[in-house]
Amino acid sequence: MPTERYVSNDDVRQVLATIYRADQETNLSASFARALSDPLRPIDLKGRWKPNPAWILLVVVFCALVGIFLYFSLGGRQ
């Protein structure tokens, strides 16, 4: 009996799935978390994920602008 055999499509799919599952760049949630994490120290001393301070500042400024807009457009008519 020969030791060589044909590779089926299912075998190739299984091997590719294991390769892509281990790759961090193909995992969307891991890539998104890595993109939003702090570039200097993505994990703090307690092992928790640490967001980028620039993103935090951007969200705070955006919320302030939305609050100012809502105040002057809805609440300022008294």
N, C-alpha and C. Protein backbone atom coordinates (compact mmCIF):
# COMPACT_ATOMS: atom_id res chain seq x y z
N MET A 1 0.84 -1.17 0.00
CA MET A 1 0.00 0.00 0.00
C MET A 1 0.89 1.24 0.00
N PRO A 2 0.64 2.19 -0.89
CA PRO A 2 1.50 3.39 -0.95
C PRO A 2 1.21 4.33 0.22
N THR A 3 2.25 5.00 0.66
CA THR A 3 2.09 5.94 1.77
C THR A 3 1.60 7.29 1.30
N GLU A 4 1.74 7.58 0.02
CA GLU A 4 1.26 8.85 -0.51
C GLU A 4 -0.25 8.75 -0.73
N ARG A 5 -0.92 9.84 -0.48
CA ARG A 5 -2.36 9.87 -0.71
C ARG A 5 -2.74 11.25 -1.19
N TYR A 6 -3.90 11.33 -1.76
CA TYR A 6 -4.40 12.61 -2.24
C TYR A 6 -4.92 13.43 -1.05
N VAL A 7 -4.75 14.72 -1.16
CA VAL A 7 -5.24 15.61 -0.13
C VAL A 7 -6.64 16.06 -0.53
N SER A 8 -7.57 15.85 0.34
CA SER A 8 -8.94 16.23 0.03
C SER A 8 -9.19 17.69 0.41
N ASN A 9 -10.30 18.20 -0.07
CA ASN A 9 -10.66 19.59 0.25
C ASN A 9 -10.91 19.76 1.74
N ASP A 10 -11.48 18.77 2.38
CA ASP A 10 -11.74 18.86 3.81
C ASP A 10 -10.44 18.93 4.61
N ASP A 11 -9.43 18.17 4.20
CA ASP A 11 -8.14 18.22 4.89
C ASP A 11 -7.53 19.62 4.78
N VAL A 12 -7.60 20.19 3.60
CA VAL A 12 -7.03 21.53 3.40
C VAL A 12 -7.81 22.55 4.22
N ARG A 13 -9.12 22.44 4.26
CA ARG A 13 -9.94 23.37 5.06
C ARG A 13 -9.60 23.28 6.54
N GLN A 14 -9.41 22.07 7.03
CA GLN A 14 -9.09 21.90 8.45
C GLN A 14 -7.72 22.50 8.79
N VAL A 15 -6.76 22.27 7.93
CA VAL A 15 -5.42 22.81 8.18
C VAL A 15 -5.43 24.33 8.11
N LEU A 16 -6.11 24.89 7.10
CA LEU A 16 -6.18 26.35 7.00
C LEU A 16 -6.94 26.96 8.16
N ALA A 17 -7.98 26.29 8.63
CA ALA A 17 -8.72 26.81 9.78
C ALA A 17 -7.86 26.85 11.03
N THR A 18 -7.05 25.84 11.25
CA THR A 18 -6.17 25.86 12.42
C THR A 18 -5.08 26.92 12.29
N ILE A 19 -4.60 27.15 11.08
CA ILE A 19 -3.58 28.18 10.89
C ILE A 19 -4.17 29.56 11.13
N TYR A 20 -5.33 29.83 10.52
CA TYR A 20 -5.94 31.15 10.66
C TYR A 20 -6.49 31.39 12.06
N ARG A 21 -6.89 30.36 12.75
CA ARG A 21 -7.40 30.52 14.11
C ARG A 21 -6.29 30.98 15.04
N ALA A 22 -5.08 30.53 14.81
CA ALA A 22 -3.96 30.91 15.68
C ALA A 22 -3.39 32.28 15.34
N ASP A 23 -3.66 32.79 14.14
CA ASP A 23 -3.11 34.06 13.71
C ASP A 23 -3.92 35.20 14.32
N GLN A 24 -3.24 36.15 14.95
CA GLN A 24 -3.93 37.25 15.62
C GLN A 24 -4.46 38.29 14.65
N GLU A 25 -3.82 38.43 13.50
CA GLU A 25 -4.24 39.45 12.57
C GLU A 25 -5.54 39.10 11.86
N THR A 26 -5.88 37.82 11.77
CA THR A 26 -7.12 37.44 11.11
C THR A 26 -8.29 37.41 12.08
N ASN A 27 -8.03 37.47 13.37
CA ASN A 27 -9.10 37.52 14.36
C ASN A 27 -9.53 38.98 14.51
N LEU A 28 -10.77 39.27 14.12
CA LEU A 28 -11.23 40.65 14.07
C LEU A 28 -11.29 41.30 15.46
N SER A 29 -11.79 40.59 16.44
CA SER A 29 -11.89 41.19 17.77
C SER A 29 -10.52 41.44 18.39
N ALA A 30 -9.58 40.53 18.18
CA ALA A 30 -8.23 40.73 18.72
C ALA A 30 -7.52 41.88 18.00
N SER A 31 -7.72 41.99 16.70
CA SER A 31 -7.11 43.09 15.95
C SER A 31 -7.70 44.43 16.37
N PHE A 32 -9.02 44.47 16.58
CA PHE A 32 -9.67 45.71 17.00
C PHE A 32 -9.22 46.12 18.40
N ALA A 33 -9.12 45.16 19.30
CA ALA A 33 -8.65 45.46 20.66
C ALA A 33 -7.20 45.92 20.65
N ARG A 34 -6.38 45.32 19.81
CA ARG A 34 -4.98 45.71 19.72
C ARG A 34 -4.85 47.10 19.12
N ALA A 35 -5.74 47.47 18.18
CA ALA A 35 -5.69 48.79 17.57
C ALA A 35 -6.11 49.87 18.55
N LEU A 36 -7.01 49.56 19.48
CA LEU A 36 -7.48 50.54 20.45
C LEU A 36 -6.68 50.55 21.75
N SER A 37 -5.72 49.65 21.88
CA SER A 37 -4.98 49.56 23.14
C SER A 37 -3.84 50.57 23.19
N ASP A 38 -3.33 50.76 24.39
CA ASP A 38 -2.23 51.68 24.62
C ASP A 38 -0.98 51.14 23.94
N PRO A 39 -0.30 51.94 23.10
CA PRO A 39 0.86 51.41 22.39
C PRO A 39 2.06 51.13 23.30
N LEU A 40 2.17 51.82 24.42
CA LEU A 40 3.32 51.60 25.29
C LEU A 40 3.12 50.43 26.24
N ARG A 41 1.94 50.33 26.81
CA ARG A 41 1.65 49.23 27.73
C ARG A 41 0.21 48.79 27.53
N PRO A 42 -0.04 47.81 26.64
CA PRO A 42 -1.43 47.42 26.34
C PRO A 42 -2.13 46.70 27.48
N ILE A 43 -1.36 46.11 28.40
CA ILE A 43 -1.94 45.41 29.55
C ILE A 43 -1.33 46.01 30.81
N ASP A 44 -2.18 46.37 31.78
CA ASP A 44 -1.65 47.00 32.99
C ASP A 44 -1.09 45.96 33.95
N LEU A 45 -0.71 46.39 35.13
CA LEU A 45 -0.05 45.50 36.09
C LEU A 45 -0.98 44.41 36.63
N LYS A 46 -2.29 44.67 36.60
CA LYS A 46 -3.25 43.67 37.07
C LYS A 46 -3.69 42.71 35.98
N GLY A 47 -3.17 42.88 34.76
CA GLY A 47 -3.51 41.98 33.67
C GLY A 47 -4.73 42.39 32.88
N ARG A 48 -5.21 43.60 33.10
CA ARG A 48 -6.39 44.08 32.38
C ARG A 48 -5.97 44.88 31.15
N TRP A 49 -6.86 44.93 30.16
CA TRP A 49 -6.61 45.67 28.94
C TRP A 49 -6.65 47.16 29.22
N LYS A 50 -5.71 47.89 28.67
CA LYS A 50 -5.60 49.33 28.91
C LYS A 50 -5.84 50.07 27.59
N PRO A 51 -6.87 50.92 27.53
CA PRO A 51 -7.14 51.64 26.28
C PRO A 51 -6.14 52.76 26.05
N ASN A 52 -6.07 53.19 24.82
CA ASN A 52 -5.18 54.27 24.43
C ASN A 52 -5.70 55.59 25.00
N PRO A 53 -4.86 56.39 25.64
CA PRO A 53 -5.33 57.67 26.19
C PRO A 53 -5.85 58.63 25.12
N ALA A 54 -5.33 58.55 23.91
CA ALA A 54 -5.82 59.42 22.84
C ALA A 54 -7.27 59.09 22.50
N TRP A 55 -7.63 57.81 22.52
CA TRP A 55 -9.02 57.42 22.24
C TRP A 55 -9.94 57.89 23.37
N ILE A 56 -9.46 57.81 24.60
CA ILE A 56 -10.27 58.27 25.74
C ILE A 56 -10.52 59.77 25.62
N LEU A 57 -9.48 60.52 25.29
CA LEU A 57 -9.62 61.97 25.12
C LEU A 57 -10.57 62.30 23.97
N LEU A 58 -10.48 61.56 22.89
CA LEU A 58 -11.36 61.78 21.75
C LEU A 58 -12.83 61.53 22.11
N VAL A 59 -13.10 60.49 22.88
CA VAL A 59 -14.46 60.18 23.30
C VAL A 59 -14.98 61.25 24.25
N VAL A 60 -14.16 61.71 25.17
CA VAL A 60 -14.58 62.74 26.12
C VAL A 60 -14.89 64.05 25.39
N VAL A 61 -14.06 64.44 24.45
CA VAL A 61 -14.29 65.67 23.69
C VAL A 61 -15.56 65.54 22.85
N PHE A 62 -15.76 64.38 22.24
CA PHE A 62 -16.96 64.15 21.44
C PHE A 62 -18.22 64.24 22.30
N CYS A 63 -18.18 63.63 23.48
CA CYS A 63 -19.34 63.69 24.38
C CYS A 63 -19.59 65.12 24.85
N ALA A 64 -18.53 65.88 25.10
CA ALA A 64 -18.69 67.27 25.50
C ALA A 64 -19.32 68.09 24.38
N LEU A 65 -18.88 67.87 23.15
CA LEU A 65 -19.46 68.60 22.02
C LEU A 65 -20.92 68.24 21.80
N VAL A 66 -21.26 66.98 21.94
CA VAL A 66 -22.66 66.57 21.82
C VAL A 66 -23.48 67.18 22.94
N GLY A 67 -22.97 67.21 24.16
CA GLY A 67 -23.68 67.82 25.28
C GLY A 67 -23.89 69.31 25.08
N ILE A 68 -22.87 70.00 24.58
CA ILE A 68 -23.00 71.44 24.32
C ILE A 68 -24.04 71.68 23.22
N PHE A 69 -23.99 70.87 22.19
CA PHE A 69 -24.97 71.01 21.11
C PHE A 69 -26.39 70.79 21.62
N LEU A 70 -26.59 69.75 22.41
CA LEU A 70 -27.92 69.47 22.94
C LEU A 70 -28.38 70.56 23.90
N TYR A 71 -27.48 71.07 24.69
CA TYR A 71 -27.85 72.13 25.63
C TYR A 71 -28.33 73.37 24.89
N PHE A 72 -27.58 73.81 23.89
CA PHE A 72 -27.95 75.04 23.20
C PHE A 72 -29.07 74.85 22.19
N SER A 73 -29.28 73.64 21.71
CA SER A 73 -30.37 73.46 20.74
C SER A 73 -31.68 73.10 21.42
N LEU A 74 -31.66 72.38 22.53
CA LEU A 74 -32.89 71.97 23.21
C LEU A 74 -33.13 72.69 24.53
N GLY A 75 -32.10 72.88 25.32
CA GLY A 75 -32.28 73.40 26.67
C GLY A 75 -32.16 74.91 26.77
N GLY A 76 -31.64 75.58 25.78
CA GLY A 76 -31.41 77.00 25.87
C GLY A 76 -32.59 77.86 25.47
N ARG A 77 -33.77 77.32 25.30
CA ARG A 77 -34.95 78.08 24.82
C ARG A 77 -35.86 78.49 25.97
N GLN A 78 -35.34 79.01 27.02
CA GLN A 78 -36.21 79.39 28.13
C GLN A 78 -36.33 80.87 28.27
